[in-house]
PDB file of all heavy atoms in Angstrom:
ATOM      1  N   ALA A   1       1.153   5.883 -15.781  1.00  0.00           N
ATOM      2  CA  ALA A   1       2.430   5.443 -16.273  1.00  0.00           C
ATOM      3  C   ALA A   1       3.263   6.643 -16.803  1.00  0.00           C
ATOM      4  O   ALA A   1       2.582   7.686 -17.245  1.00  0.00           O
ATOM      5  CB  ALA A   1       2.401   4.375 -17.262  1.00  0.00           C
ATOM      6  N   VAL A   2       4.481   6.660 -16.647  1.00  0.00           N
ATOM      7  CA  VAL A   2       5.410   7.761 -17.417  1.00  0.00           C
ATOM      8  C   VAL A   2       5.578   7.307 -18.774  1.00  0.00           C
ATOM      9  O   VAL A   2       6.044   6.187 -19.045  1.00  0.00           O
ATOM     10  CB  VAL A   2       6.688   7.861 -16.679  1.00  0.00           C
ATOM     11  CG1 VAL A   2       7.683   8.899 -17.371  1.00  0.00           C
ATOM     12  CG2 VAL A   2       6.440   8.395 -15.196  1.00  0.00           C
ATOM     13  N   VAL A   3       5.307   8.100 -19.758  1.00  0.00           N
ATOM     14  CA  VAL A   3       5.239   7.782 -21.207  1.00  0.00           C
ATOM     15  C   VAL A   3       6.346   8.578 -21.915  1.00  0.00           C
ATOM     16  O   VAL A   3       6.355   9.909 -21.667  1.00  0.00           O
ATOM     17  CB  VAL A   3       3.820   8.067 -21.858  1.00  0.00           C
ATOM     18  CG1 VAL A   3       3.891   7.703 -23.244  1.00  0.00           C
ATOM     19  CG2 VAL A   3       2.894   7.089 -21.186  1.00  0.00           C
ATOM     20  N   HIS A   4       7.125   8.064 -22.768  1.00  0.00           N
ATOM     21  CA  HIS A   4       8.206   8.767 -23.486  1.00  0.00           C
ATOM     22  C   HIS A   4       7.483   9.693 -24.524  1.00  0.00           C
ATOM     23  O   HIS A   4       6.539   9.268 -25.179  1.00  0.00           O
ATOM     24  CB  HIS A   4       9.110   7.731 -24.251  1.00  0.00           C
ATOM     25  CG  HIS A   4      10.385   8.409 -24.757  1.00  0.00           C
ATOM     26  ND1 HIS A   4      10.433   9.168 -25.798  1.00  0.00           N
ATOM     27  CD2 HIS A   4      11.630   8.366 -24.143  1.00  0.00           C
ATOM     28  CE1 HIS A   4      11.573   9.621 -25.987  1.00  0.00           C
ATOM     29  NE2 HIS A   4      12.358   9.147 -25.021  1.00  0.00           N
ATOM     30  N   PRO A   5       7.991  10.943 -24.706  1.00  0.00           N
ATOM     31  CA  PRO A   5       7.246  11.834 -25.590  1.00  0.00           C
ATOM     32  C   PRO A   5       7.425  11.595 -27.006  1.00  0.00           C
ATOM     33  O   PRO A   5       6.952  12.284 -27.885  1.00  0.00           O
ATOM     34  CB  PRO A   5       7.945  13.238 -25.177  1.00  0.00           C
ATOM     35  CG  PRO A   5       9.274  12.932 -24.590  1.00  0.00           C
ATOM     36  CD  PRO A   5       9.051  11.541 -23.865  1.00  0.00           C
ATOM     37  N   SER A   6       8.241  10.590 -27.433  1.00  0.00           N
ATOM     38  CA  SER A   6       8.356  10.184 -28.793  1.00  0.00           C
ATOM     39  C   SER A   6       7.155   9.511 -29.272  1.00  0.00           C
ATOM     40  O   SER A   6       6.862   9.329 -30.422  1.00  0.00           O
ATOM     41  CB  SER A   6       9.572   9.301 -28.968  1.00  0.00           C
ATOM     42  OG  SER A   6       9.496   8.078 -28.323  1.00  0.00           O
ATOM     43  N   LEU A   7       6.237   9.148 -28.347  1.00  0.00           N
ATOM     44  CA  LEU A   7       4.952   8.504 -28.653  1.00  0.00           C
ATOM     45  C   LEU A   7       3.894   9.474 -28.804  1.00  0.00           C
ATOM     46  O   LEU A   7       3.652  10.314 -27.873  1.00  0.00           O
ATOM     47  CB  LEU A   7       4.558   7.487 -27.593  1.00  0.00           C
ATOM     48  CG  LEU A   7       5.564   6.322 -27.279  1.00  0.00           C
ATOM     49  CD1 LEU A   7       5.115   5.452 -26.143  1.00  0.00           C
ATOM     50  CD2 LEU A   7       5.707   5.475 -28.540  1.00  0.00           C
ATOM     51  N   ASN A   8       3.206   9.481 -29.990  1.00  0.00           N
ATOM     52  CA  ASN A   8       2.013  10.425 -30.153  1.00  0.00           C
ATOM     53  C   ASN A   8       0.833   9.764 -29.543  1.00  0.00           C
ATOM     54  O   ASN A   8       0.039   9.124 -30.239  1.00  0.00           O
ATOM     55  CB  ASN A   8       1.886  10.686 -31.628  1.00  0.00           C
ATOM     56  CG  ASN A   8       2.844  11.628 -32.106  1.00  0.00           C
ATOM     57  OD1 ASN A   8       3.356  12.555 -31.486  1.00  0.00           O
ATOM     58  ND2 ASN A   8       3.339  11.447 -33.359  1.00  0.00           N
ATOM     59  N   ALA A   9       0.656   9.898 -28.267  1.00  0.00           N
ATOM     60  CA  ALA A   9      -0.415   9.180 -27.542  1.00  0.00           C
ATOM     61  C   ALA A   9      -0.858   9.964 -26.422  1.00  0.00           C
ATOM     62  O   ALA A   9      -0.355  10.979 -25.977  1.00  0.00           O
ATOM     63  CB  ALA A   9       0.057   7.866 -26.994  1.00  0.00           C
ATOM     64  N   LEU A  10      -2.051   9.689 -25.932  1.00  0.00           N
ATOM     65  CA  LEU A  10      -2.649  10.252 -24.680  1.00  0.00           C
ATOM     66  C   LEU A  10      -2.849   9.162 -23.619  1.00  0.00           C
ATOM     67  O   LEU A  10      -3.008   7.981 -23.923  1.00  0.00           O
ATOM     68  CB  LEU A  10      -3.927  10.902 -25.058  1.00  0.00           C
ATOM     69  CG  LEU A  10      -4.016  12.042 -26.012  1.00  0.00           C
ATOM     70  CD1 LEU A  10      -5.406  12.553 -26.305  1.00  0.00           C
ATOM     71  CD2 LEU A  10      -3.129  13.260 -25.644  1.00  0.00           C
ATOM     72  N   GLN A  11      -2.885   9.611 -22.291  1.00  0.00           N
ATOM     73  CA  GLN A  11      -3.216   8.664 -21.294  1.00  0.00           C
ATOM     74  C   GLN A  11      -4.352   9.101 -20.455  1.00  0.00           C
ATOM     75  O   GLN A  11      -4.512  10.285 -20.098  1.00  0.00           O
ATOM     76  CB  GLN A  11      -1.879   8.538 -20.396  1.00  0.00           C
ATOM     77  CG  GLN A  11      -2.084   7.522 -19.296  1.00  0.00           C
ATOM     78  CD  GLN A  11      -0.749   7.280 -18.554  1.00  0.00           C
ATOM     79  OE1 GLN A  11      -0.622   6.385 -17.709  1.00  0.00           O
ATOM     80  NE2 GLN A  11       0.300   7.914 -18.923  1.00  0.00           N
ATOM     81  N   LEU A  12      -5.282   8.075 -20.252  1.00  0.00           N
ATOM     82  CA  LEU A  12      -6.437   8.383 -19.453  1.00  0.00           C
ATOM     83  C   LEU A  12      -6.231   7.720 -18.059  1.00  0.00           C
ATOM     84  O   LEU A  12      -6.005   6.524 -17.963  1.00  0.00           O
ATOM     85  CB  LEU A  12      -7.730   7.779 -20.076  1.00  0.00           C
ATOM     86  CG  LEU A  12      -8.977   7.750 -19.290  1.00  0.00           C
ATOM     87  CD1 LEU A  12      -9.463   9.157 -18.957  1.00  0.00           C
ATOM     88  CD2 LEU A  12     -10.072   7.066 -20.040  1.00  0.00           C
ATOM     89  N   THR A  13      -6.372   8.515 -16.960  1.00  0.00           N
ATOM     90  CA  THR A  13      -6.280   8.036 -15.632  1.00  0.00           C
ATOM     91  C   THR A  13      -7.448   8.421 -14.798  1.00  0.00           C
ATOM     92  O   THR A  13      -8.136   9.516 -15.084  1.00  0.00           O
ATOM     93  CB  THR A  13      -4.980   8.385 -14.885  1.00  0.00           C
ATOM     94  OG1 THR A  13      -4.763   9.837 -15.199  1.00  0.00           O
ATOM     95  CG2 THR A  13      -3.833   7.712 -15.436  1.00  0.00           C
ATOM     96  N   GLU A  14      -7.720   7.828 -13.761  1.00  0.00           N
ATOM     97  CA  GLU A  14      -8.919   8.040 -12.868  1.00  0.00           C
ATOM     98  C   GLU A  14      -8.535   8.570 -11.470  1.00  0.00           C
ATOM     99  O   GLU A  14      -7.499   8.233 -10.906  1.00  0.00           O
ATOM    100  CB  GLU A  14      -9.695   6.775 -12.626  1.00  0.00           C
ATOM    101  CG  GLU A  14     -10.096   6.007 -13.933  1.00  0.00           C
ATOM    102  CD  GLU A  14     -10.710   4.634 -13.673  1.00  0.00           C
ATOM    103  OE1 GLU A  14     -10.659   4.204 -12.526  1.00  0.00           O
ATOM    104  OE2 GLU A  14     -11.222   4.057 -14.624  1.00  0.00           O
ATOM    105  N   PHE A  15      -9.399   9.544 -11.001  1.00  0.00           N
ATOM    106  CA  PHE A  15      -9.348   9.947  -9.639  1.00  0.00           C
ATOM    107  C   PHE A  15     -10.305   9.165  -8.842  1.00  0.00           C
ATOM    108  O   PHE A  15     -11.472   9.230  -8.923  1.00  0.00           O
ATOM    109  CB  PHE A  15      -9.667  11.412  -9.512  1.00  0.00           C
ATOM    110  CG  PHE A  15      -8.719  12.390 -10.099  1.00  0.00           C
ATOM    111  CD1 PHE A  15      -8.956  12.955 -11.305  1.00  0.00           C
ATOM    112  CD2 PHE A  15      -7.685  12.909  -9.358  1.00  0.00           C
ATOM    113  CE1 PHE A  15      -8.037  13.874 -11.977  1.00  0.00           C
ATOM    114  CE2 PHE A  15      -6.790  13.849  -9.860  1.00  0.00           C
ATOM    115  CZ  PHE A  15      -6.983  14.339 -11.186  1.00  0.00           C
ATOM    116  N   ALA A  16      -9.803   8.190  -7.976  1.00  0.00           N
ATOM    117  CA  ALA A  16     -10.615   7.482  -7.027  1.00  0.00           C
ATOM    118  C   ALA A  16     -11.967   7.020  -7.575  1.00  0.00           C
ATOM    119  O   ALA A  16     -12.982   7.331  -7.245  1.00  0.00           O
ATOM    120  CB  ALA A  16     -10.975   8.390  -5.775  1.00  0.00           C
ATOM    121  N   SER A  17     -11.705   6.036  -8.555  1.00  0.00           N
ATOM    122  CA  SER A  17     -12.907   5.358  -9.170  1.00  0.00           C
ATOM    123  C   SER A  17     -13.706   4.536  -8.121  1.00  0.00           C
ATOM    124  O   SER A  17     -13.104   3.992  -7.202  1.00  0.00           O
ATOM    125  CB  SER A  17     -12.576   4.513 -10.331  1.00  0.00           C
ATOM    126  OG  SER A  17     -11.675   3.572  -9.935  1.00  0.00           O
ATOM    127  N   LEU A  18     -15.009   4.498  -8.314  1.00  0.00           N
ATOM    128  CA  LEU A  18     -15.887   3.763  -7.482  1.00  0.00           C
ATOM    129  C   LEU A  18     -16.040   2.381  -8.111  1.00  0.00           C
ATOM    130  O   LEU A  18     -16.693   2.198  -9.097  1.00  0.00           O
ATOM    131  CB  LEU A  18     -17.260   4.436  -7.240  1.00  0.00           C
ATOM    132  CG  LEU A  18     -18.253   3.745  -6.446  1.00  0.00           C
ATOM    133  CD1 LEU A  18     -17.783   3.566  -5.011  1.00  0.00           C
ATOM    134  CD2 LEU A  18     -19.585   4.536  -6.432  1.00  0.00           C
ATOM    135  N   ASN A  19     -15.462   1.335  -7.433  1.00  0.00           N
ATOM    136  CA  ASN A  19     -15.567  -0.100  -7.940  1.00  0.00           C
ATOM    137  C   ASN A  19     -16.123  -1.013  -6.881  1.00  0.00           C
ATOM    138  O   ASN A  19     -15.600  -1.144  -5.741  1.00  0.00           O
ATOM    139  CB  ASN A  19     -14.219  -0.476  -8.393  1.00  0.00           C
ATOM    140  CG  ASN A  19     -13.813   0.090  -9.762  1.00  0.00           C
ATOM    141  OD1 ASN A  19     -14.301  -0.385 -10.792  1.00  0.00           O
ATOM    142  ND2 ASN A  19     -12.944   1.036  -9.779  1.00  0.00           N
ATOM    143  N   ASN A  20     -17.239  -1.669  -7.179  1.00  0.00           N
ATOM    144  CA  ASN A  20     -17.826  -2.677  -6.296  1.00  0.00           C
ATOM    145  C   ASN A  20     -18.656  -3.672  -7.123  1.00  0.00           C
ATOM    146  O   ASN A  20     -18.572  -3.677  -8.400  1.00  0.00           O
ATOM    147  CB  ASN A  20     -18.722  -1.978  -5.214  1.00  0.00           C
ATOM    148  CG  ASN A  20     -19.767  -0.989  -5.761  1.00  0.00           C
ATOM    149  OD1 ASN A  20     -20.240  -1.298  -6.788  1.00  0.00           O
ATOM    150  ND2 ASN A  20     -19.855   0.131  -5.201  1.00  0.00           N
ATOM    151  N   ARG A  21     -19.485  -4.425  -6.538  1.00  0.00           N
ATOM    152  CA  ARG A  21     -20.233  -5.386  -7.346  1.00  0.00           C
ATOM    153  C   ARG A  21     -21.288  -4.814  -8.159  1.00  0.00           C
ATOM    154  O   ARG A  21     -21.822  -5.521  -9.061  1.00  0.00           O
ATOM    155  CB  ARG A  21     -20.760  -6.545  -6.394  1.00  0.00           C
ATOM    156  CG  ARG A  21     -21.829  -5.993  -5.475  1.00  0.00           C
ATOM    157  CD  ARG A  21     -22.366  -7.112  -4.504  1.00  0.00           C
ATOM    158  NE  ARG A  21     -23.345  -6.729  -3.572  1.00  0.00           N
ATOM    159  CZ  ARG A  21     -24.624  -6.638  -3.784  1.00  0.00           C
ATOM    160  NH1 ARG A  21     -25.051  -6.964  -4.974  1.00  0.00           N
ATOM    161  NH2 ARG A  21     -25.435  -6.241  -2.948  1.00  0.00           N
ATOM    162  N   VAL A  22     -21.583  -3.499  -7.910  1.00  0.00           N
ATOM    163  CA  VAL A  22     -22.584  -2.840  -8.696  1.00  0.00           C
ATOM    164  C   VAL A  22     -22.001  -1.975  -9.781  1.00  0.00           C
ATOM    165  O   VAL A  22     -22.425  -2.032 -11.003  1.00  0.00           O
ATOM    166  CB  VAL A  22     -23.562  -2.037  -7.805  1.00  0.00           C
ATOM    167  CG1 VAL A  22     -24.596  -1.240  -8.660  1.00  0.00           C
ATOM    168  CG2 VAL A  22     -24.202  -2.855  -6.744  1.00  0.00           C
ATOM    169  N   PHE A  23     -21.000  -1.220  -9.515  1.00  0.00           N
ATOM    170  CA  PHE A  23     -20.401  -0.284 -10.386  1.00  0.00           C
ATOM    171  C   PHE A  23     -18.936  -0.648 -10.706  1.00  0.00           C
ATOM    172  O   PHE A  23     -18.145  -0.927  -9.760  1.00  0.00           O
ATOM    173  CB  PHE A  23     -20.384   1.136  -9.783  1.00  0.00           C
ATOM    174  CG  PHE A  23     -21.785   1.635  -9.530  1.00  0.00           C
ATOM    175  CD1 PHE A  23     -22.013   1.976  -8.125  1.00  0.00           C
ATOM    176  CD2 PHE A  23     -22.816   1.723 -10.378  1.00  0.00           C
ATOM    177  CE1 PHE A  23     -23.253   2.499  -7.761  1.00  0.00           C
ATOM    178  CE2 PHE A  23     -24.108   2.142 -10.086  1.00  0.00           C
ATOM    179  CZ  PHE A  23     -24.340   2.500  -8.672  1.00  0.00           C
ATOM    180  N   ARG A  24     -18.580  -0.707 -11.953  1.00  0.00           N
ATOM    181  CA  ARG A  24     -17.242  -1.147 -12.311  1.00  0.00           C
ATOM    182  C   ARG A  24     -16.723  -0.152 -13.394  1.00  0.00           C
ATOM    183  O   ARG A  24     -17.363   0.305 -14.275  1.00  0.00           O
ATOM    184  CB  ARG A  24     -17.254  -2.495 -12.933  1.00  0.00           C
ATOM    185  CG  ARG A  24     -17.721  -3.551 -11.968  1.00  0.00           C
ATOM    186  CD  ARG A  24     -16.878  -3.810 -10.834  1.00  0.00           C
ATOM    187  NE  ARG A  24     -15.550  -4.110 -11.146  1.00  0.00           N
ATOM    188  CZ  ARG A  24     -14.507  -4.176 -10.227  1.00  0.00           C
ATOM    189  NH1 ARG A  24     -14.760  -3.957  -8.951  1.00  0.00           N
ATOM    190  NH2 ARG A  24     -13.270  -4.526 -10.602  1.00  0.00           N
ATOM    191  N   THR A  25     -15.375   0.141 -13.212  1.00  0.00           N
ATOM    192  CA  THR A  25     -14.607   0.855 -14.269  1.00  0.00           C
ATOM    193  C   THR A  25     -13.354   0.075 -14.646  1.00  0.00           C
ATOM    194  O   THR A  25     -12.997  -0.950 -13.799  1.00  0.00           O
ATOM    195  CB  THR A  25     -14.217   2.298 -13.905  1.00  0.00           C
ATOM    196  OG1 THR A  25     -13.220   2.190 -12.849  1.00  0.00           O
ATOM    197  CG2 THR A  25     -15.408   3.044 -13.465  1.00  0.00           C
ATOM    198  N   LEU A  26     -12.598   0.341 -15.647  1.00  0.00           N
ATOM    199  CA  LEU A  26     -11.401  -0.406 -15.914  1.00  0.00           C
ATOM    200  C   LEU A  26     -10.380  -0.282 -14.693  1.00  0.00           C
ATOM    201  O   LEU A  26      -9.664  -1.149 -14.400  1.00  0.00           O
ATOM    202  CB  LEU A  26     -10.645   0.188 -17.208  1.00  0.00           C
ATOM    203  CG  LEU A  26      -9.445  -0.546 -17.620  1.00  0.00           C
ATOM    204  CD1 LEU A  26      -9.776  -1.961 -17.949  1.00  0.00           C
ATOM    205  CD2 LEU A  26      -8.837   0.205 -18.725  1.00  0.00           C
ATOM    206  N   SER A  27     -10.394   0.981 -14.080  1.00  0.00           N
ATOM    207  CA  SER A  27      -9.598   1.136 -12.817  1.00  0.00           C
ATOM    208  C   SER A  27      -8.200   0.924 -13.133  1.00  0.00           C
ATOM    209  O   SER A  27      -7.380   0.415 -12.336  1.00  0.00           O
ATOM    210  CB  SER A  27     -10.082   0.263 -11.673  1.00  0.00           C
ATOM    211  OG  SER A  27      -9.482   0.787 -10.541  1.00  0.00           O
ATOM    212  N   SER A  28      -7.679   1.370 -14.226  1.00  0.00           N
ATOM    213  CA  SER A  28      -6.323   1.248 -14.739  1.00  0.00           C
ATOM    214  C   SER A  28      -5.992   2.263 -15.719  1.00  0.00           C
ATOM    215  O   SER A  28      -6.809   2.716 -16.536  1.00  0.00           O
ATOM    216  CB  SER A  28      -6.130  -0.131 -15.372  1.00  0.00           C
ATOM    217  OG  SER A  28      -4.735  -0.279 -15.946  1.00  0.00           O
ATOM    218  N   PRO A  29      -4.763   2.796 -15.723  1.00  0.00           N
ATOM    219  CA  PRO A  29      -4.349   3.802 -16.823  1.00  0.00           C
ATOM    220  C   PRO A  29      -4.535   3.201 -18.217  1.00  0.00           C
ATOM    221  O   PRO A  29      -4.402   1.941 -18.336  1.00  0.00           O
ATOM    222  CB  PRO A  29      -2.900   4.042 -16.485  1.00  0.00           C
ATOM    223  CG  PRO A  29      -2.695   3.606 -15.033  1.00  0.00           C
ATOM    224  CD  PRO A  29      -3.710   2.567 -14.851  1.00  0.00           C
ATOM    225  N   LEU A  30      -4.901   4.041 -19.129  1.00  0.00           N
ATOM    226  CA  LEU A  30      -5.228   3.602 -20.479  1.00  0.00           C
ATOM    227  C   LEU A  30      -4.436   4.479 -21.504  1.00  0.00           C
ATOM    228  O   LEU A  30      -4.485   5.722 -21.413  1.00  0.00           O
ATOM    229  CB  LEU A  30      -6.717   3.716 -20.691  1.00  0.00           C
ATOM    230  CG  LEU A  30      -7.347   3.146 -22.057  1.00  0.00           C
ATOM    231  CD1 LEU A  30      -7.165   1.669 -22.000  1.00  0.00           C
ATOM    232  CD2 LEU A  30      -8.742   3.566 -22.085  1.00  0.00           C
ATOM    233  N   ILE A  31      -3.714   3.921 -22.449  1.00  0.00           N
ATOM    234  CA  ILE A  31      -3.004   4.711 -23.423  1.00  0.00           C
ATOM    235  C   ILE A  31      -3.770   4.607 -24.747  1.00  0.00           C
ATOM    236  O   ILE A  31      -4.132   3.520 -25.207  1.00  0.00           O
ATOM    237  CB  ILE A  31      -1.578   4.015 -23.607  1.00  0.00           C
ATOM    238  CG1 ILE A  31      -0.772   3.883 -22.283  1.00  0.00           C
ATOM    239  CG2 ILE A  31      -0.794   4.844 -24.674  1.00  0.00           C
ATOM    240  CD1 ILE A  31      -0.497   5.214 -21.675  1.00  0.00           C
ATOM    241  N   VAL A  32      -4.043   5.736 -25.344  1.00  0.00           N
ATOM    242  CA  VAL A  32      -4.751   5.855 -26.512  1.00  0.00           C
ATOM    243  C   VAL A  32      -3.933   6.536 -27.678  1.00  0.00           C
ATOM    244  O   VAL A  32      -3.311   7.514 -27.389  1.00  0.00           O
ATOM    245  CB  VAL A  32      -6.077   6.736 -26.295  1.00  0.00           C
ATOM    246  CG1 VAL A  32      -6.818   7.006 -27.541  1.00  0.00           C
ATOM    247  CG2 VAL A  32      -6.947   6.044 -25.287  1.00  0.00           C
ATOM    248  N   THR A  33      -3.943   5.969 -28.779  1.00  0.00           N
ATOM    249  CA  THR A  33      -3.082   6.397 -29.897  1.00  0.00           C
ATOM    250  C   THR A  33      -3.681   7.703 -30.489  1.00  0.00           C
ATOM    251  O   THR A  33      -4.725   8.068 -30.300  1.00  0.00           O
ATOM    252  CB  THR A  33      -2.902   5.340 -30.981  1.00  0.00           C
ATOM    253  OG1 THR A  33      -4.229   5.170 -31.595  1.00  0.00           O
ATOM    254  CG2 THR A  33      -2.511   4.039 -30.364  1.00  0.00           C
ATOM    255  N   GLN A  34      -2.789   8.264 -31.485  1.00  0.00           N
ATOM    256  CA  GLN A  34      -3.176   9.574 -32.021  1.00  0.00           C
ATOM    257  C   GLN A  34      -4.285   9.366 -33.016  1.00  0.00           C
ATOM    258  O   GLN A  34      -4.893  10.390 -33.393  1.00  0.00           O
ATOM    259  CB  GLN A  34      -1.953  10.056 -32.768  1.00  0.00           C
ATOM    260  CG  GLN A  34      -1.435   9.196 -33.933  1.00  0.00           C
ATOM    261  CD  GLN A  34      -0.233   9.676 -34.638  1.00  0.00           C
ATOM    262  OE1 GLN A  34       0.081  10.919 -34.547  1.00  0.00           O
ATOM    263  NE2 GLN A  34       0.530   8.898 -35.283  1.00  0.00           N
ATOM    264  N   ASP A  35      -4.717   8.166 -33.395  1.00  0.00           N
ATOM    265  CA  ASP A  35      -5.770   7.955 -34.313  1.00  0.00           C
ATOM    266  C   ASP A  35      -7.137   7.911 -33.619  1.00  0.00           C
ATOM    267  O   ASP A  35      -8.136   7.859 -34.330  1.00  0.00           O
ATOM    268  CB  ASP A  35      -5.605   6.640 -35.064  1.00  0.00           C
ATOM    269  CG  ASP A  35      -4.198   6.519 -35.782  1.00  0.00           C
ATOM    270  OD1 ASP A  35      -3.905   7.618 -36.439  1.00  0.00           O
ATOM    271  OD2 ASP A  35      -3.648   5.538 -35.772  1.00  0.00           O
ATOM    272  N   GLU A  36      -7.220   7.890 -32.281  1.00  0.00           N
ATOM    273  CA  GLU A  36      -8.425   7.871 -31.619  1.00  0.00           C
ATOM    274  C   GLU A  36      -8.718   9.088 -30.702  1.00  0.00           C
ATOM    275  O   GLU A  36      -7.780   9.865 -30.324  1.00  0.00           O
ATOM    276  CB  GLU A  36      -8.462   6.596 -30.700  1.00  0.00           C
ATOM    277  CG  GLU A  36      -8.419   5.331 -31.560  1.00  0.00           C
ATOM    278  CD  GLU A  36      -8.558   4.077 -30.724  1.00  0.00           C
ATOM    279  OE1 GLU A  36      -7.677   3.845 -29.925  1.00  0.00           O
ATOM    280  OE2 GLU A  36      -9.603   3.364 -30.904  1.00  0.00           O
ATOM    281  N   THR A  37      -9.993   9.298 -30.460  1.00  0.00           N
ATOM    282  CA  THR A  37     -10.439  10.338 -29.661  1.00  0.00           C
ATOM    283  C   THR A  37     -11.148   9.830 -28.357  1.00  0.00           C
ATOM    284  O   THR A  37     -11.856   8.916 -28.393  1.00  0.00           O
ATOM    285  CB  THR A  37     -11.502  11.248 -30.390  1.00  0.00           C
ATOM    286  OG1 THR A  37     -10.908  11.774 -31.550  1.00  0.00           O
ATOM    287  CG2 THR A  37     -11.997  12.422 -29.535  1.00  0.00           C
ATOM    288  N   ILE A  38     -10.766  10.479 -27.257  1.00  0.00           N
ATOM    289  CA  ILE A  38     -11.479  10.192 -25.950  1.00  0.00           C
ATOM    290  C   ILE A  38     -12.549  11.170 -25.722  1.00  0.00           C
ATOM    291  O   ILE A  38     -12.264  12.389 -25.902  1.00  0.00           O
ATOM    292  CB  ILE A  38     -10.425  10.128 -24.772  1.00  0.00           C
ATOM    293  CG1 ILE A  38      -9.297   9.227 -25.051  1.00  0.00           C
ATOM    294  CG2 ILE A  38     -11.224   9.928 -23.454  1.00  0.00           C
ATOM    295  CD1 ILE A  38      -8.189   9.369 -23.982  1.00  0.00           C
ATOM    296  N   THR A  39     -13.745  10.767 -25.333  1.00  0.00           N
ATOM    297  CA  THR A  39     -14.837  11.764 -25.194  1.00  0.00           C
ATOM    298  C   THR A  39     -15.571  11.460 -23.776  1.00  0.00           C
ATOM    299  O   THR A  39     -15.791  10.307 -23.479  1.00  0.00           O
ATOM    300  CB  THR A  39     -15.946  11.574 -26.253  1.00  0.00           C
ATOM    301  OG1 THR A  39     -15.265  11.861 -27.577  1.00  0.00           O
ATOM    302  CG2 THR A  39     -17.079  12.599 -26.038  1.00  0.00           C
ATOM    303  N   PHE A  40     -15.689  12.487 -22.981  1.00  0.00           N
ATOM    304  CA  PHE A  40     -16.493  12.435 -21.767  1.00  0.00           C
ATOM    305  C   PHE A  40     -17.819  13.126 -21.921  1.00  0.00           C
ATOM    306  O   PHE A  40     -18.000  14.305 -22.429  1.00  0.00           O
ATOM    307  CB  PHE A  40     -15.743  13.166 -20.656  1.00  0.00           C
ATOM    308  CG  PHE A  40     -14.358  12.570 -20.294  1.00  0.00           C
ATOM    309  CD1 PHE A  40     -13.441  13.437 -19.697  1.00  0.00           C
ATOM    310  CD2 PHE A  40     -14.036  11.338 -20.637  1.00  0.00           C
ATOM    311  CE1 PHE A  40     -12.149  12.939 -19.334  1.00  0.00           C
ATOM    312  CE2 PHE A  40     -12.744  10.868 -20.324  1.00  0.00           C
ATOM    313  CZ  PHE A  40     -11.868  11.683 -19.701  1.00  0.00           C
ATOM    314  N   ARG A  41     -18.898  12.445 -21.488  1.00  0.00           N
ATOM    315  CA  ARG A  41     -20.249  13.031 -21.463  1.00  0.00           C
ATOM    316  C   ARG A  41     -20.872  12.943 -20.050  1.00  0.00           C
ATOM    317  O   ARG A  41     -21.275  11.847 -19.637  1.00  0.00           O
ATOM    318  CB  ARG A  41     -21.165  12.373 -22.463  1.00  0.00           C
ATOM    319  CG  ARG A  41     -20.721  12.641 -23.884  1.00  0.00           C
ATOM    320  CD  ARG A  41     -21.653  11.961 -24.839  1.00  0.00           C
ATOM    321  NE  ARG A  41     -21.106  12.121 -26.253  1.00  0.00           N
ATOM    322  CZ  ARG A  41     -21.357  11.420 -27.252  1.00  0.00           C
ATOM    323  NH1 ARG A  41     -22.156  10.276 -27.160  1.00  0.00           N
ATOM    324  NH2 ARG A  41     -20.892  11.650 -28.488  1.00  0.00           N
TER     325      ARG A  41
END
């Protein structure tokens, strides 16, 4: 989504997620506020 810069937020989006009956992700853009941290491992 296009987000207005007055919002202190981050957006998480996916490149070609793998979704089937075995593996699932949210498969949708996600907006996270300034109070939270996103971590990848």
